[in-house]
Structures are given as C-alpha cells and as structure tokens.
C-alpha cells in the first residue's frame, strides 16, 4: 500500500508550535526529528519504487519510523510548555 509523507506536524497538529519550538531549542529532539523525517522519506521512496526493497525491509523501516514517532510524541506530551 502506498502512502504519503507522514510529516510530524501533520501527525500531531495539536503540537505544531511545540514541535517548531523544540526543534529550535532541544538538540536531542532535533536529532530524533531529523531521523524520523529521514526514515519517512525512505519509506516513501520504497513504497513508490524509487528505491525498491523487499517487503521485509520496508516493514523494518516502518517499525523504526513508528518507534521514533512514539518517542517524539512522548517527549512532546511530557515537555513543559
């Protein structure tokens, strides 16, 4: 199944401003954010056969992306505004 990019601000619109603020002020968050978007672009390229890979490899990428998304969500949810 093909999908579109899963930009973090679109995934968590309620945290749009906080995502921006944390990218600017929290180095750890910024690193995870960058890694998440790198994986998201990679999943997109595989799903659209720009960079073909096995189904197993694609599922592994998606699992890694989901784990990062969960970690980023927890950081956003528990950060002090």
C-alpha atoms as a PDB file:
ATOM      1  CA  UNK A   1       0.000   0.000   0.000  1.00  0.00           C
ATOM      2  CA  UNK A   2       1.384   3.357  -0.979  1.00  0.00           C
ATOM      3  CA  UNK A   3       1.127   6.360   1.268  1.00  0.00           C
ATOM      4  CA  UNK A   4       2.133   9.965   1.506  1.00  0.00           C
ATOM      5  CA  UNK A   5       4.734  11.531   3.725  1.00  0.00           C
ATOM      6  CA  UNK A   6       3.966  11.465   7.425  1.00  0.00           C
ATOM      7  CA  UNK A   7       5.233  14.885   8.478  1.00  0.00           C
ATOM      8  CA  UNK A   8       5.294  15.131  12.249  1.00  0.00           C
ATOM      9  CA  UNK A   9       3.352  18.398  12.274  1.00  0.00           C
ATOM     10  CA  UNK A  10       0.593  16.676  10.276  1.00  0.00           C
ATOM     11  CA  UNK A  11       0.646  13.625  12.521  1.00  0.00           C
ATOM     12  CA  UNK A  12       0.374  15.763  15.680  1.00  0.00           C
ATOM     13  CA  UNK A  13      -1.304  19.042  14.667  1.00  0.00           C
ATOM     14  CA  UNK A  14      -2.008  19.862  18.312  1.00  0.00           C
ATOM     15  CA  UNK A  15       1.757  20.068  18.864  1.00  0.00           C
ATOM     16  CA  UNK A  16       2.626  22.052  15.714  1.00  0.00           C
ATOM     17  CA  UNK A  17       4.007  25.083  17.621  1.00  0.00           C
ATOM     18  CA  UNK A  18       5.728  22.937  20.236  1.00  0.00           C
ATOM     19  CA  UNK A  19       7.422  20.877  17.513  1.00  0.00           C
ATOM     20  CA  UNK A  20       8.842  24.038  15.999  1.00  0.00           C
ATOM     21  CA  UNK A  21       9.987  25.392  19.367  1.00  0.00           C
ATOM     22  CA  UNK A  22      11.621  22.121  20.377  1.00  0.00           C
ATOM     23  CA  UNK A  23      13.416  21.762  17.038  1.00  0.00           C
ATOM     24  CA  UNK A  24      14.987  25.146  17.753  1.00  0.00           C
ATOM     25  CA  UNK A  25      15.820  24.617  21.424  1.00  0.00           C
ATOM     26  CA  UNK A  26      16.328  20.897  22.111  1.00  0.00           C
ATOM     27  CA  UNK A  27      19.241  19.192  20.384  1.00  0.00           C
ATOM     28  CA  UNK A  28      18.064  15.672  21.274  1.00  0.00           C
ATOM     29  CA  UNK A  29      14.563  16.370  19.939  1.00  0.00           C
ATOM     30  CA  UNK A  30      16.016  17.868  16.773  1.00  0.00           C
ATOM     31  CA  UNK A  31      18.168  14.771  16.197  1.00  0.00           C
ATOM     32  CA  UNK A  32      15.171  12.437  16.628  1.00  0.00           C
ATOM     33  CA  UNK A  33      13.027  14.717  14.451  1.00  0.00           C
ATOM     34  CA  UNK A  34      15.615  14.649  11.658  1.00  0.00           C
ATOM     35  CA  UNK A  35      15.969  10.866  11.913  1.00  0.00           C
ATOM     36  CA  UNK A  36      12.173  10.440  11.799  1.00  0.00           C
ATOM     37  CA  UNK A  37      11.876  12.523   8.637  1.00  0.00           C
ATOM     38  CA  UNK A  38      14.805  10.741   7.020  1.00  0.00           C
ATOM     39  CA  UNK A  39      13.058   7.406   7.633  1.00  0.00           C
ATOM     40  CA  UNK A  40       9.758   8.822   6.406  1.00  0.00           C
ATOM     41  CA  UNK A  41      11.359   9.900   3.131  1.00  0.00           C
ATOM     42  CA  UNK A  42      12.994   6.479   2.818  1.00  0.00           C
ATOM     43  CA  UNK A  43       9.668   4.673   3.349  1.00  0.00           C
ATOM     44  CA  UNK A  44       8.064   6.925   0.741  1.00  0.00           C
ATOM     45  CA  UNK A  45      10.812   6.165  -1.804  1.00  0.00           C
ATOM     46  CA  UNK A  46      10.482   2.421  -1.229  1.00  0.00           C
ATOM     47  CA  UNK A  47       6.681   2.474  -1.425  1.00  0.00           C
ATOM     48  CA  UNK A  48       6.814   4.324  -4.752  1.00  0.00           C
ATOM     49  CA  UNK A  49       9.526   2.002  -6.147  1.00  0.00           C
ATOM     50  CA  UNK A  50      12.047   4.813  -6.375  1.00  0.00           C
ATOM     51  CA  UNK A  51      14.353   2.637  -4.252  1.00  0.00           C
ATOM     52  CA  UNK A  52      12.968  -0.901  -4.408  1.00  0.00           C
ATOM     53  CA  UNK A  53      13.494  -3.129  -1.384  1.00  0.00           C
ATOM     54  CA  UNK A  54      11.967  -6.287  -0.046  1.00  0.00           C
ATOM     55  CA  UNK A  55       8.701  -6.236   1.876  1.00  0.00           C
ATOM     56  CA  UNK A  56      10.634  -7.258   4.971  1.00  0.00           C
ATOM     57  CA  UNK A  57      12.995  -4.294   4.623  1.00  0.00           C
ATOM     58  CA  UNK A  58      10.057  -1.934   4.136  1.00  0.00           C
ATOM     59  CA  UNK A  59       8.317  -3.265   7.244  1.00  0.00           C
ATOM     60  CA  UNK A  60      11.509  -2.766   9.257  1.00  0.00           C
ATOM     61  CA  UNK A  61      11.729   0.851   8.100  1.00  0.00           C
ATOM     62  CA  UNK A  62       8.110   1.406   9.083  1.00  0.00           C
ATOM     63  CA  UNK A  63       8.683  -0.123  12.523  1.00  0.00           C
ATOM     64  CA  UNK A  64      11.683   2.144  13.101  1.00  0.00           C
ATOM     65  CA  UNK A  65       9.666   5.169  11.957  1.00  0.00           C
ATOM     66  CA  UNK A  66       6.816   4.240  14.300  1.00  0.00           C
ATOM     67  CA  UNK A  67       9.179   3.792  17.252  1.00  0.00           C
ATOM     68  CA  UNK A  68      10.652   7.242  16.615  1.00  0.00           C
ATOM     69  CA  UNK A  69       7.196   8.734  16.246  1.00  0.00           C
ATOM     70  CA  UNK A  70       6.193   7.228  19.607  1.00  0.00           C
ATOM     71  CA  UNK A  71       9.335   8.583  21.251  1.00  0.00           C
ATOM     72  CA  UNK A  72       8.806  12.050  19.792  1.00  0.00           C
ATOM     73  CA  UNK A  73       5.162  12.034  20.875  1.00  0.00           C
ATOM     74  CA  UNK A  74       6.142  11.128  24.435  1.00  0.00           C
ATOM     75  CA  UNK A  75       8.680  13.940  24.519  1.00  0.00           C
ATOM     76  CA  UNK A  76       6.099  16.418  23.218  1.00  0.00           C
ATOM     77  CA  UNK A  77       3.415  15.202  25.595  1.00  0.00           C
ATOM     78  CA  UNK A  78       5.631  15.403  28.668  1.00  0.00           C
ATOM     79  CA  UNK A  79       7.587  18.550  27.900  1.00  0.00           C
ATOM     80  CA  UNK A  80       6.847  21.641  29.933  1.00  0.00           C
ATOM     81  CA  UNK A  81       5.392  24.462  27.871  1.00  0.00           C
END
